[in-house]
Amino acid sequence: MDLPLMDKLPGAERPRILVVDDQTSNILLIRELFKNEYEIFMAQDGEQAIAQCQALMPDLILMDLMMPGIDGFEACRRLKDNPLTRAVPIIFVSAQREEADEARGFELGGVDYIIKPVNHTILRARVRTHLALKFQADLLSSIALQDGLTGVANRRKFDEALQSDWLQCARQQQPVSLLMLDVDHFKRFNDRYGHQAGDDCLRRVAQAIRLSLRRPRDLAARYGGEEFACLLPETDLEGASSLADEILQAIRALGIPHEASDAEPTVTASIGVASMIPNGSTAPQTLVERADHQLYQAKHEGRARVSAG
């Protein structure tokens, strides 16, 4: 707990704090206090706080209560109702000294309540404590959402990411694309070379997929068995198809022998690609079904290829 949070994860960006207060002087004071440790962002009312949180995904929010428009309580309630922002810890910083206000803050999901005028030593300690707790929670969550064999995301993580990316792309009216990938004739590979070789093959294929993704938000996941998925928010069909071709070549470049395959003498994959701009009348599962249909097409046409549509 006594180390700065960024020291706990070498190479990571500095933690982000969103300061929400209608008084600019209060924001500047907090910025001056934390500017050497954290990235500080600001919002001056509840609506701005919600928009900034969705855009920035901060690690912590310092939230004033009394603001124009929606107050801090309502902003907190909306953030906690949104699966995308639910996990962001909120510390209320308020001149309100009533126990009922403090109790309501905790009931709505706040993690702490600090009275103004702020004691800098207390504020610094509380911020560092809650950032450390969030880091630990994120670490445990990442372990729980990782496939034990291949090291990429597991099916549970994929399902969560699909839901949140679908909602965000719906709000922004941006496309979200999905690649469904199947290792060609993998049962034959296991029968020919054994299950240990099969496990090693899946690990190497997963690594090739992961290294082909360029953006932090792009997700590689093991969907089940020898099937993988790549979730690509804010990517159109053309961009997703281009990436699928690169992944196909990266898997070929592994050069893993597969003498039992009808496609090629080395391990290959078939990839189905689909892209949609989400709207209120379609569910995320529709994208999965379309990508799965394209995967079927790729297999039907001879495997070791990409089918998009």
C-alpha atoms as a PDB file:
ATOM      1  CA  MET A   1       0.000   0.000   0.000  1.00  0.00           C
ATOM      2  CA  ASP A   2       2.916   2.349   0.556  1.00  0.00           C
ATOM      3  CA  LEU A   3       4.058   2.323  -3.072  1.00  0.00           C
ATOM      4  CA  PRO A   4       2.607   4.563  -5.778  1.00  0.00           C
ATOM      5  CA  LEU A   5       0.137   2.551  -7.819  1.00  0.00           C
ATOM      6  CA  MET A   6       2.076   2.965 -11.071  1.00  0.00           C
ATOM      7  CA  ASP A   7       5.066   1.221  -9.437  1.00  0.00           C
ATOM      8  CA  LYS A   8       2.955  -1.926  -9.040  1.00  0.00           C
ATOM      9  CA  LEU A   9       2.627  -2.482 -12.779  1.00  0.00           C
ATOM     10  CA  PRO A  10       5.843  -1.609 -14.687  1.00  0.00           C
ATOM     11  CA  GLY A  11       5.264   0.173 -17.969  1.00  0.00           C
ATOM     12  CA  ALA A  12       1.625   0.977 -17.199  1.00  0.00           C
ATOM     13  CA  GLU A  13       0.137   4.409 -17.748  1.00  0.00           C
ATOM     14  CA  ARG A  14      -0.323   6.627 -14.732  1.00  0.00           C
ATOM     15  CA  PRO A  15      -3.667   6.099 -12.961  1.00  0.00           C
ATOM     16  CA  ARG A  16      -6.459   8.436 -14.074  1.00  0.00           C
ATOM     17  CA  ILE A  17      -8.504  10.479 -11.623  1.00  0.00           C
ATOM     18  CA  LEU A  18     -11.655  12.330 -12.667  1.00  0.00           C
ATOM     19  CA  VAL A  19     -12.373  15.329 -10.421  1.00  0.00           C
ATOM     20  CA  VAL A  20     -16.015  16.471 -10.497  1.00  0.00           C
ATOM     21  CA  ASP A  21     -16.743  19.864  -8.915  1.00  0.00           C
ATOM     22  CA  ASP A  22     -18.573  22.997 -10.066  1.00  0.00           C
ATOM     23  CA  GLN A  23     -15.885  25.167  -8.451  1.00  0.00           C
ATOM     24  CA  THR A  24     -12.806  25.450 -10.666  1.00  0.00           C
ATOM     25  CA  SER A  25     -10.681  26.448  -7.684  1.00  0.00           C
ATOM     26  CA  ASN A  26     -11.390  23.112  -5.992  1.00  0.00           C
ATOM     27  CA  ILE A  27     -10.399  21.185  -9.130  1.00  0.00           C
ATOM     28  CA  LEU A  28      -7.169  23.172  -9.480  1.00  0.00           C
ATOM     29  CA  LEU A  29      -6.328  22.533  -5.835  1.00  0.00           C
ATOM     30  CA  ILE A  30      -6.705  18.772  -6.266  1.00  0.00           C
ATOM     31  CA  ARG A  31      -4.820  18.858  -9.540  1.00  0.00           C
ATOM     32  CA  GLU A  32      -1.907  20.608  -7.863  1.00  0.00           C
ATOM     33  CA  LEU A  33      -1.930  18.018  -5.092  1.00  0.00           C
ATOM     34  CA  PHE A  34      -1.823  14.963  -7.391  1.00  0.00           C
ATOM     35  CA  LYS A  35      -0.354  16.171 -10.704  1.00  0.00           C
ATOM     36  CA  ASN A  36       3.002  14.432 -10.182  1.00  0.00           C
ATOM     37  CA  GLU A  37       1.436  11.025  -9.490  1.00  0.00           C
ATOM     38  CA  TYR A  38      -1.742  10.778 -11.533  1.00  0.00           C
ATOM     39  CA  GLU A  39      -3.424  11.968 -14.718  1.00  0.00           C
ATOM     40  CA  ILE A  40      -6.095  14.452 -13.630  1.00  0.00           C
ATOM     41  CA  PHE A  41      -9.269  15.125 -15.637  1.00  0.00           C
ATOM     42  CA  MET A  42     -12.136  17.435 -14.762  1.00  0.00           C
ATOM     43  CA  ALA A  43     -15.894  17.803 -15.035  1.00  0.00           C
ATOM     44  CA  GLN A  44     -18.031  20.605 -13.587  1.00  0.00           C
ATOM     45  CA  ASP A  45     -21.430  18.946 -13.373  1.00  0.00           C
ATOM     46  CA  GLY A  46     -22.991  15.505 -13.198  1.00  0.00           C
ATOM     47  CA  GLU A  47     -23.738  15.199 -16.916  1.00  0.00           C
ATOM     48  CA  GLN A  48     -20.137  16.027 -17.796  1.00  0.00           C
ATOM     49  CA  ALA A  49     -18.945  13.518 -15.201  1.00  0.00           C
ATOM     50  CA  ILE A  50     -20.940  10.701 -16.816  1.00  0.00           C
ATOM     51  CA  ALA A  51     -19.734  11.591 -20.319  1.00  0.00           C
ATOM     52  CA  GLN A  52     -16.110  11.927 -19.196  1.00  0.00           C
ATOM     53  CA  CYS A  53     -16.226   8.655 -17.301  1.00  0.00           C
ATOM     54  CA  GLN A  54     -17.545   6.748 -20.306  1.00  0.00           C
ATOM     55  CA  ALA A  55     -14.931   8.308 -22.589  1.00  0.00           C
ATOM     56  CA  LEU A  56     -11.897   8.096 -20.286  1.00  0.00           C
ATOM     57  CA  MET A  57     -12.639   5.104 -18.033  1.00  0.00           C
ATOM     58  CA  PRO A  58     -10.792   6.660 -15.062  1.00  0.00           C
ATOM     59  CA  ASP A  59      -9.415   4.593 -12.198  1.00  0.00           C
ATOM     60  CA  LEU A  60     -11.093   6.785  -9.562  1.00  0.00           C
ATOM     61  CA  ILE A  61     -13.641   9.614  -9.332  1.00  0.00           C
ATOM     62  CA  LEU A  62     -13.628  12.410  -6.742  1.00  0.00           C
ATOM     63  CA  MET A  63     -17.250  13.568  -6.806  1.00  0.00           C
ATOM     64  CA  ASP A  64     -18.736  16.751  -5.344  1.00  0.00           C
ATOM     65  CA  LEU A  65     -22.368  16.535  -4.211  1.00  0.00           C
ATOM     66  CA  MET A  66     -23.927  19.945  -4.847  1.00  0.00           C
ATOM     67  CA  MET A  67     -23.660  20.841  -8.541  1.00  0.00           C
ATOM     68  CA  PRO A  68     -25.888  22.405 -11.208  1.00  0.00           C
ATOM     69  CA  GLY A  69     -28.102  19.955 -13.091  1.00  0.00           C
ATOM     70  CA  ILE A  70     -27.940  16.465 -11.654  1.00  0.00           C
ATOM     71  CA  ASP A  71     -26.143  16.255  -8.316  1.00  0.00           C
ATOM     72  CA  GLY A  72     -23.362  13.905  -7.280  1.00  0.00           C
ATOM     73  CA  PHE A  73     -25.773  11.311  -5.889  1.00  0.00           C
ATOM     74  CA  GLU A  74     -27.658  11.021  -9.182  1.00  0.00           C
ATOM     75  CA  ALA A  75     -24.439  10.967 -11.213  1.00  0.00           C
ATOM     76  CA  CYS A  76     -23.184   8.133  -9.006  1.00  0.00           C
ATOM     77  CA  ARG A  77     -26.432   6.197  -9.394  1.00  0.00           C
ATOM     78  CA  ARG A  78     -26.266   6.418 -13.194  1.00  0.00           C
ATOM     79  CA  LEU A  79     -22.611   5.405 -13.296  1.00  0.00           C
ATOM     80  CA  LYS A  80     -23.306   2.380 -11.096  1.00  0.00           C
ATOM     81  CA  ASP A  81     -26.277   1.394 -13.271  1.00  0.00           C
ATOM     82  CA  ASN A  82     -24.039   1.284 -16.361  1.00  0.00           C
ATOM     83  CA  PRO A  83     -22.068  -2.000 -16.721  1.00  0.00           C
ATOM     84  CA  LEU A  84     -19.295  -0.070 -18.490  1.00  0.00           C
ATOM     85  CA  THR A  85     -18.645   2.293 -15.548  1.00  0.00           C
ATOM     86  CA  ARG A  86     -19.957   0.282 -12.587  1.00  0.00           C
ATOM     87  CA  ALA A  87     -16.515  -0.750 -11.322  1.00  0.00           C
ATOM     88  CA  VAL A  88     -15.040   2.775 -11.180  1.00  0.00           C
ATOM     89  CA  PRO A  89     -14.697   3.687  -7.469  1.00  0.00           C
ATOM     90  CA  ILE A  90     -16.277   6.999  -6.408  1.00  0.00           C
ATOM     91  CA  ILE A  91     -15.147   9.065  -3.424  1.00  0.00           C
ATOM     92  CA  PHE A  92     -17.633  11.766  -2.446  1.00  0.00           C
ATOM     93  CA  VAL A  93     -15.983  15.073  -1.465  1.00  0.00           C
ATOM     94  CA  SER A  94     -18.588  17.368   0.047  1.00  0.00           C
ATOM     95  CA  ALA A  95     -19.280  20.198   2.474  1.00  0.00           C
ATOM     96  CA  GLN A  96     -22.442  18.306   3.485  1.00  0.00           C
ATOM     97  CA  ARG A  97     -21.854  17.018   7.034  1.00  0.00           C
ATOM     98  CA  GLU A  98     -25.151  15.228   7.619  1.00  0.00           C
ATOM     99  CA  GLU A  99     -24.846  11.538   8.454  1.00  0.00           C
ATOM    100  CA  ALA A 100     -27.808  10.842   6.188  1.00  0.00           C
ATOM    101  CA  ASP A 101     -25.874  12.224   3.190  1.00  0.00           C
ATOM    102  CA  GLU A 102     -22.865  10.081   4.008  1.00  0.00           C
ATOM    103  CA  ALA A 103     -25.049   7.009   4.421  1.00  0.00           C
ATOM    104  CA  ARG A 104     -26.805   7.686   1.109  1.00  0.00           C
ATOM    105  CA  GLY A 105     -23.440   8.006  -0.636  1.00  0.00           C
ATOM    106  CA  PHE A 106     -22.410   4.557   0.538  1.00  0.00           C
ATOM    107  CA  GLU A 107     -25.827   3.082  -0.321  1.00  0.00           C
ATOM    108  CA  LEU A 108     -25.460   4.329  -3.904  1.00  0.00           C
ATOM    109  CA  GLY A 109     -22.083   2.621  -4.275  1.00  0.00           C
ATOM    110  CA  GLY A 110     -19.552   5.229  -3.156  1.00  0.00           C
ATOM    111  CA  VAL A 111     -16.397   3.836  -1.561  1.00  0.00           C
ATOM    112  CA  ASP A 112     -15.635   6.808   0.722  1.00  0.00           C
ATOM    113  CA  TYR A 113     -16.943  10.183   1.912  1.00  0.00           C
ATOM    114  CA  ILE A 114     -14.616  13.105   2.701  1.00  0.00           C
ATOM    115  CA  ILE A 115     -15.757  16.387   4.280  1.00  0.00           C
ATOM    116  CA  LYS A 116     -14.680  19.790   2.921  1.00  0.00           C
ATOM    117  CA  PRO A 117     -12.514  21.665   3.592  1.00  0.00           C
ATOM    118  CA  VAL A 118     -10.281  18.768   2.632  1.00  0.00           C
ATOM    119  CA  ASN A 119      -7.312  17.724   4.712  1.00  0.00           C
ATOM    120  CA  HIS A 120      -4.647  17.059   2.081  1.00  0.00           C
ATOM    121  CA  THR A 121      -2.959  14.281   4.033  1.00  0.00           C
ATOM    122  CA  ILE A 122      -6.249  12.428   4.501  1.00  0.00           C
ATOM    123  CA  LEU A 123      -7.275  12.914   0.874  1.00  0.00           C
ATOM    124  CA  ARG A 124      -3.938  11.657  -0.407  1.00  0.00           C
ATOM    125  CA  ALA A 125      -4.097   8.589   1.838  1.00  0.00           C
ATOM    126  CA  ARG A 126      -7.682   7.751   0.879  1.00  0.00           C
ATOM    127  CA  VAL A 127      -6.958   8.141  -2.843  1.00  0.00           C
ATOM    128  CA  ARG A 128      -3.886   5.909  -2.684  1.00  0.00           C
ATOM    129  CA  THR A 129      -5.771   3.286  -0.677  1.00  0.00           C
ATOM    130  CA  HIS A 130      -8.722   3.076  -3.066  1.00  0.00           C
ATOM    131  CA  LEU A 131      -6.488   3.058  -6.153  1.00  0.00           C
ATOM    132  CA  ALA A 132      -4.508   0.190  -4.638  1.00  0.00           C
ATOM    133  CA  LEU A 133      -7.728  -1.695  -3.882  1.00  0.00           C
ATOM    134  CA  LYS A 134      -8.942  -1.174  -7.434  1.00  0.00           C
ATOM    135  CA  PHE A 135      -5.630  -2.386  -8.826  1.00  0.00           C
ATOM    136  CA  GLN A 136      -5.892  -5.561  -6.749  1.00  0.00           C
ATOM    137  CA  ALA A 137      -9.513  -6.110  -7.801  1.00  0.00           C
ATOM    138  CA  ASP A 138      -8.621  -5.581 -11.471  1.00  0.00           C
ATOM    139  CA  LEU A 139      -5.753  -8.043 -11.156  1.00  0.00           C
ATOM    140  CA  LEU A 140      -7.966 -10.724  -9.600  1.00  0.00           C
ATOM    141  CA  SER A 141     -10.622 -10.079 -12.219  1.00  0.00           C
ATOM    142  CA  SER A 142      -8.114 -10.417 -15.058  1.00  0.00           C
ATOM    143  CA  ILE A 143      -6.960 -13.775 -13.682  1.00  0.00           C
ATOM    144  CA  ALA A 144     -10.556 -14.993 -13.400  1.00  0.00           C
ATOM    145  CA  LEU A 145     -11.264 -13.889 -16.969  1.00  0.00           C
ATOM    146  CA  GLN A 146      -8.200 -15.491 -18.561  1.00  0.00           C
ATOM    147  CA  ASP A 147      -8.099 -18.846 -20.327  1.00  0.00           C
ATOM    148  CA  GLY A 148      -5.770 -21.088 -18.338  1.00  0.00           C
ATOM    149  CA  LEU A 149      -4.288 -22.906 -21.343  1.00  0.00           C
ATOM    150  CA  THR A 150      -3.710 -20.152 -23.883  1.00  0.00           C
ATOM    151  CA  GLY A 151      -3.399 -16.995 -21.781  1.00  0.00           C
ATOM    152  CA  VAL A 152      -5.933 -15.024 -23.845  1.00  0.00           C
ATOM    153  CA  ALA A 153      -9.359 -13.995 -22.537  1.00  0.00           C
ATOM    154  CA  ASN A 154     -11.833 -16.731 -21.702  1.00  0.00           C
ATOM    155  CA  ARG A 155     -15.467 -17.080 -22.805  1.00  0.00           C
ATOM    156  CA  ARG A 156     -16.793 -15.196 -19.788  1.00  0.00           C
ATOM    157  CA  LYS A 157     -14.563 -12.221 -20.549  1.00  0.00           C
ATOM    158  CA  PHE A 158     -15.628 -12.314 -24.188  1.00  0.00           C
ATOM    159  CA  ASP A 159     -19.310 -12.264 -23.262  1.00  0.00           C
ATOM    160  CA  GLU A 160     -18.778  -9.295 -20.921  1.00  0.00           C
ATOM    161  CA  ALA A 161     -16.728  -7.363 -23.477  1.00  0.00           C
ATOM    162  CA  LEU A 162     -19.242  -8.034 -26.251  1.00  0.00           C
ATOM    163  CA  GLN A 163     -22.048  -6.614 -24.123  1.00  0.00           C
ATOM    164  CA  SER A 164     -20.153  -3.467 -23.093  1.00  0.00           C
ATOM    165  CA  ASP A 165     -18.672  -2.794 -26.556  1.00  0.00           C
ATOM    166  CA  TRP A 166     -22.087  -3.318 -28.130  1.00  0.00           C
ATOM    167  CA  LEU A 167     -23.648  -0.710 -25.834  1.00  0.00           C
ATOM    168  CA  GLN A 168     -20.840   1.798 -26.328  1.00  0.00           C
ATOM    169  CA  CYS A 169     -20.802   1.438 -30.124  1.00  0.00           C
ATOM    170  CA  ALA A 170     -24.601   1.784 -30.112  1.00  0.00           C
ATOM    171  CA  ARG A 171     -24.325   5.106 -28.291  1.00  0.00           C
ATOM    172  CA  GLN A 172     -21.623   6.344 -30.672  1.00  0.00           C
ATOM    173  CA  GLN A 173     -23.187   4.737 -33.753  1.00  0.00           C
ATOM    174  CA  GLN A 174     -19.870   3.103 -34.566  1.00  0.00           C
ATOM    175  CA  PRO A 175     -19.408  -0.384 -36.061  1.00  0.00           C
ATOM    176  CA  VAL A 176     -18.273  -3.349 -34.009  1.00  0.00           C
ATOM    177  CA  SER A 177     -16.723  -6.324 -35.802  1.00  0.00           C
ATOM    178  CA  LEU A 178     -16.174  -9.929 -34.807  1.00  0.00           C
ATOM    179  CA  LEU A 179     -13.806 -12.600 -36.080  1.00  0.00           C
ATOM    180  CA  MET A 180     -14.688 -16.230 -35.349  1.00  0.00           C
ATOM    181  CA  LEU A 181     -11.693 -18.500 -35.941  1.00  0.00           C
ATOM    182  CA  ASP A 182     -11.464 -22.293 -35.968  1.00  0.00           C
ATOM    183  CA  VAL A 183      -8.224 -24.299 -36.190  1.00  0.00           C
ATOM    184  CA  ASP A 184      -8.663 -26.550 -39.226  1.00  0.00           C
ATOM    185  CA  HIS A 185      -9.028 -30.292 -38.588  1.00  0.00           C
ATOM    186  CA  PHE A 186      -7.880 -29.980 -34.990  1.00  0.00           C
ATOM    187  CA  LYS A 187      -9.318 -33.347 -33.930  1.00  0.00           C
ATOM    188  CA  ARG A 188      -7.170 -34.998 -36.566  1.00  0.00           C
ATOM    189  CA  PHE A 189      -4.178 -33.052 -35.224  1.00  0.00           C
ATOM    190  CA  ASN A 190      -4.786 -34.413 -31.722  1.00  0.00           C
ATOM    191  CA  ASP A 191      -5.273 -37.941 -33.029  1.00  0.00           C
ATOM    192  CA  ARG A 192      -2.029 -37.761 -35.017  1.00  0.00           C
ATOM    193  CA  TYR A 193       0.297 -35.899 -32.648  1.00  0.00           C
ATOM    194  CA  GLY A 194      -1.272 -36.325 -29.196  1.00  0.00           C
ATOM    195  CA  HIS A 195      -3.034 -33.990 -26.777  1.00  0.00           C
ATOM    196  CA  GLN A 196       0.132 -32.387 -25.415  1.00  0.00           C
ATOM    197  CA  ALA A 197       1.083 -31.331 -28.921  1.00  0.00           C
ATOM    198  CA  GLY A 198      -2.501 -30.151 -29.380  1.00  0.00           C
ATOM    199  CA  ASP A 199      -2.288 -27.956 -26.281  1.00  0.00           C
ATOM    200  CA  ASP A 200       1.008 -26.483 -27.490  1.00  0.00           C
ATOM    201  CA  CYS A 201      -0.559 -25.829 -30.894  1.00  0.00           C
ATOM    202  CA  LEU A 202      -3.449 -23.908 -29.321  1.00  0.00           C
ATOM    203  CA  ARG A 203      -1.068 -21.850 -27.202  1.00  0.00           C
ATOM    204  CA  ARG A 204       0.987 -20.851 -30.251  1.00  0.00           C
ATOM    205  CA  VAL A 205      -2.093 -20.059 -32.332  1.00  0.00           C
ATOM    206  CA  ALA A 206      -3.495 -17.910 -29.506  1.00  0.00           C
ATOM    207  CA  GLN A 207      -0.203 -16.018 -29.263  1.00  0.00           C
ATOM    208  CA  ALA A 208      -0.192 -15.401 -33.014  1.00  0.00           C
ATOM    209  CA  ILE A 209      -3.730 -14.022 -32.803  1.00  0.00           C
ATOM    210  CA  ARG A 210      -2.964 -11.818 -29.806  1.00  0.00           C
ATOM    211  CA  LEU A 211       0.178 -10.350 -31.371  1.00  0.00           C
ATOM    212  CA  SER A 212      -1.782  -9.479 -34.517  1.00  0.00           C
ATOM    213  CA  LEU A 213      -4.096  -7.131 -32.588  1.00  0.00           C
ATOM    214  CA  ARG A 214      -2.869  -3.541 -32.470  1.00  0.00           C
ATOM    215  CA  ARG A 215      -5.260  -1.617 -30.216  1.00  0.00           C
ATOM    216  CA  PRO A 216      -5.738  -2.002 -26.464  1.00  0.00           C
ATOM    217  CA  ARG A 217      -9.526  -2.359 -26.822  1.00  0.00           C
ATOM    218  CA  ASP A 218      -9.298  -5.210 -29.345  1.00  0.00           C
ATOM    219  CA  LEU A 219      -9.879  -8.533 -27.600  1.00  0.00           C
ATOM    220  CA  ALA A 220      -8.630 -12.021 -28.415  1.00  0.00           C
ATOM    221  CA  ALA A 221     -10.519 -14.781 -26.612  1.00  0.00           C
ATOM    222  CA  ARG A 222     -10.738 -18.549 -26.582  1.00  0.00           C
ATOM    223  CA  TYR A 223     -14.370 -19.155 -27.448  1.00  0.00           C
ATOM    224  CA  GLY A 224     -14.278 -22.888 -26.805  1.00  0.00           C
ATOM    225  CA  GLY A 225     -12.135 -25.892 -27.755  1.00  0.00           C
ATOM    226  CA  GLU A 226     -10.109 -24.951 -30.843  1.00  0.00           C
ATOM    227  CA  GLU A 227     -12.295 -21.918 -31.619  1.00  0.00           C
ATOM    228  CA  PHE A 228     -11.182 -18.331 -30.967  1.00  0.00           C
ATOM    229  CA  ALA A 229     -12.878 -14.945 -31.277  1.00  0.00           C
ATOM    230  CA  CYS A 230     -11.544 -11.448 -31.885  1.00  0.00           C
ATOM    231  CA  LEU A 231     -13.776  -8.553 -30.829  1.00  0.00           C
ATOM    232  CA  LEU A 232     -12.989  -5.298 -32.635  1.00  0.00           C
ATOM    233  CA  PRO A 233     -14.963  -2.225 -31.478  1.00  0.00           C
ATOM    234  CA  GLU A 234     -15.052   0.782 -33.821  1.00  0.00           C
ATOM    235  CA  THR A 235     -13.816  -1.361 -36.736  1.00  0.00           C
ATOM    236  CA  ASP A 236     -15.676  -1.742 -40.028  1.00  0.00           C
ATOM    237  CA  LEU A 237     -15.924  -4.862 -42.187  1.00  0.00           C
ATOM    238  CA  GLU A 238     -13.023  -3.860 -44.421  1.00  0.00           C
ATOM    239  CA  GLY A 239     -10.680  -3.291 -41.498  1.00  0.00           C
ATOM    240  CA  ALA A 240     -11.761  -6.514 -39.780  1.00  0.00           C
ATOM    241  CA  SER A 241     -11.281  -8.528 -42.981  1.00  0.00           C
ATOM    242  CA  SER A 242      -7.800  -7.100 -43.433  1.00  0.00           C
ATOM    243  CA  LEU A 243      -6.896  -8.099 -39.878  1.00  0.00           C
ATOM    244  CA  ALA A 244      -8.319 -11.584 -40.445  1.00  0.00           C
ATOM    245  CA  ASP A 245      -6.001 -12.023 -43.448  1.00  0.00           C
ATOM    246  CA  GLU A 246      -3.042 -10.986 -41.289  1.00  0.00           C
ATOM    247  CA  ILE A 247      -3.995 -13.468 -38.586  1.00  0.00           C
ATOM    248  CA  LEU A 248      -4.328 -16.229 -41.171  1.00  0.00           C
ATOM    249  CA  GLN A 249      -0.811 -15.498 -42.429  1.00  0.00           C
ATOM    250  CA  ALA A 250       0.577 -15.304 -38.883  1.00  0.00           C
ATOM    251  CA  ILE A 251      -0.801 -18.790 -38.137  1.00  0.00           C
ATOM    252  CA  ARG A 252       0.641 -20.155 -41.381  1.00  0.00           C
ATOM    253  CA  ALA A 253       3.997 -18.609 -40.478  1.00  0.00           C
ATOM    254  CA  LEU A 254       4.119 -20.736 -37.316  1.00  0.00           C
ATOM    255  CA  GLY A 255       4.850 -23.679 -39.600  1.00  0.00           C
ATOM    256  CA  ILE A 256       3.317 -26.281 -37.275  1.00  0.00           C
ATOM    257  CA  PRO A 257       3.197 -29.599 -39.208  1.00  0.00           C
ATOM    258  CA  HIS A 258      -0.273 -31.046 -39.788  1.00  0.00           C
ATOM    259  CA  GLU A 259       0.014 -34.006 -42.126  1.00  0.00           C
ATOM    260  CA  ALA A 260      -3.555 -35.099 -41.377  1.00  0.00           C
ATOM    261  CA  SER A 261      -5.084 -31.883 -42.738  1.00  0.00           C
ATOM    262  CA  ASP A 262      -6.875 -31.734 -46.089  1.00  0.00           C
ATOM    263  CA  ALA A 263      -6.258 -27.983 -46.282  1.00  0.00           C
ATOM    264  CA  GLU A 264      -2.464 -27.547 -46.101  1.00  0.00           C
ATOM    265  CA  PRO A 265       0.467 -29.545 -44.681  1.00  0.00           C
ATOM    266  CA  THR A 266       0.783 -27.118 -41.751  1.00  0.00           C
ATOM    267  CA  VAL A 267      -1.723 -25.847 -39.197  1.00  0.00           C
ATOM    268  CA  THR A 268      -4.184 -23.356 -40.683  1.00  0.00           C
ATOM    269  CA  ALA A 269      -7.413 -21.719 -39.622  1.00  0.00           C
ATOM    270  CA  SER A 270     -10.757 -20.743 -41.073  1.00  0.00           C
ATOM    271  CA  ILE A 271     -12.078 -17.296 -40.147  1.00  0.00           C
ATOM    272  CA  GLY A 272     -15.558 -15.814 -40.380  1.00  0.00           C
ATOM    273  CA  VAL A 273     -15.923 -12.028 -40.233  1.00  0.00           C
ATOM    274  CA  ALA A 274     -19.027  -9.951 -39.495  1.00  0.00           C
ATOM    275  CA  SER A 275     -19.587  -6.270 -38.723  1.00  0.00           C
ATOM    276  CA  MET A 276     -22.600  -4.315 -37.495  1.00  0.00           C
ATOM    277  CA  ILE A 277     -23.564  -0.887 -36.213  1.00  0.00           C
ATOM    278  CA  PRO A 278     -25.623  -1.772 -33.126  1.00  0.00           C
ATOM    279  CA  ASN A 279     -29.126  -0.426 -32.660  1.00  0.00           C
ATOM    280  CA  GLY A 280     -32.002  -0.896 -30.282  1.00  0.00           C
ATOM    281  CA  SER A 281     -33.640  -3.643 -32.334  1.00  0.00           C
ATOM    282  CA  THR A 282     -30.676  -6.049 -32.481  1.00  0.00           C
ATOM    283  CA  ALA A 283     -28.897  -8.026 -29.770  1.00  0.00           C
ATOM    284  CA  PRO A 284     -25.146  -8.713 -29.540  1.00  0.00           C
ATOM    285  CA  GLN A 285     -25.813 -12.378 -30.249  1.00  0.00           C
ATOM    286  CA  THR A 286     -26.804 -11.363 -33.784  1.00  0.00           C
ATOM    287  CA  LEU A 287     -23.190 -10.401 -34.474  1.00  0.00           C
ATOM    288  CA  VAL A 288     -21.988 -13.776 -33.162  1.00  0.00           C
ATOM    289  CA  GLU A 289     -24.477 -15.599 -35.371  1.00  0.00           C
ATOM    290  CA  ARG A 290     -23.372 -13.671 -38.461  1.00  0.00           C
ATOM    291  CA  ALA A 291     -19.685 -14.297 -37.798  1.00  0.00           C
ATOM    292  CA  ASP A 292     -20.412 -17.959 -37.116  1.00  0.00           C
ATOM    293  CA  HIS A 293     -22.274 -18.193 -40.426  1.00  0.00           C
ATOM    294  CA  GLN A 294     -19.273 -16.729 -42.229  1.00  0.00           C
ATOM    295  CA  LEU A 295     -17.014 -19.228 -40.451  1.00  0.00           C
ATOM    296  CA  TYR A 296     -19.227 -22.018 -41.771  1.00  0.00           C
ATOM    297  CA  GLN A 297     -18.858 -20.535 -45.260  1.00  0.00           C
ATOM    298  CA  ALA A 298     -15.070 -20.483 -44.968  1.00  0.00           C
ATOM    299  CA  LYS A 299     -15.065 -24.158 -43.969  1.00  0.00           C
ATOM    300  CA  HIS A 300     -17.536 -25.069 -46.694  1.00  0.00           C
ATOM    301  CA  GLU A 301     -15.340 -23.376 -49.332  1.00  0.00           C
ATOM    302  CA  GLY A 302     -12.271 -25.442 -48.407  1.00  0.00           C
ATOM    303  CA  ARG A 303     -10.926 -24.034 -45.102  1.00  0.00           C
ATOM    304  CA  ALA A 304      -7.670 -22.080 -44.583  1.00  0.00           C
ATOM    305  CA  ARG A 305      -9.400 -18.897 -45.702  1.00  0.00           C
ATOM    306  CA  VAL A 306     -11.414 -15.848 -44.646  1.00  0.00           C
ATOM    307  CA  SER A 307     -15.101 -15.365 -45.382  1.00  0.00           C
ATOM    308  CA  ALA A 308     -16.641 -11.956 -44.642  1.00  0.00           C
ATOM    309  CA  GLY A 309     -20.091 -10.523 -44.982  1.00  0.00           C
END
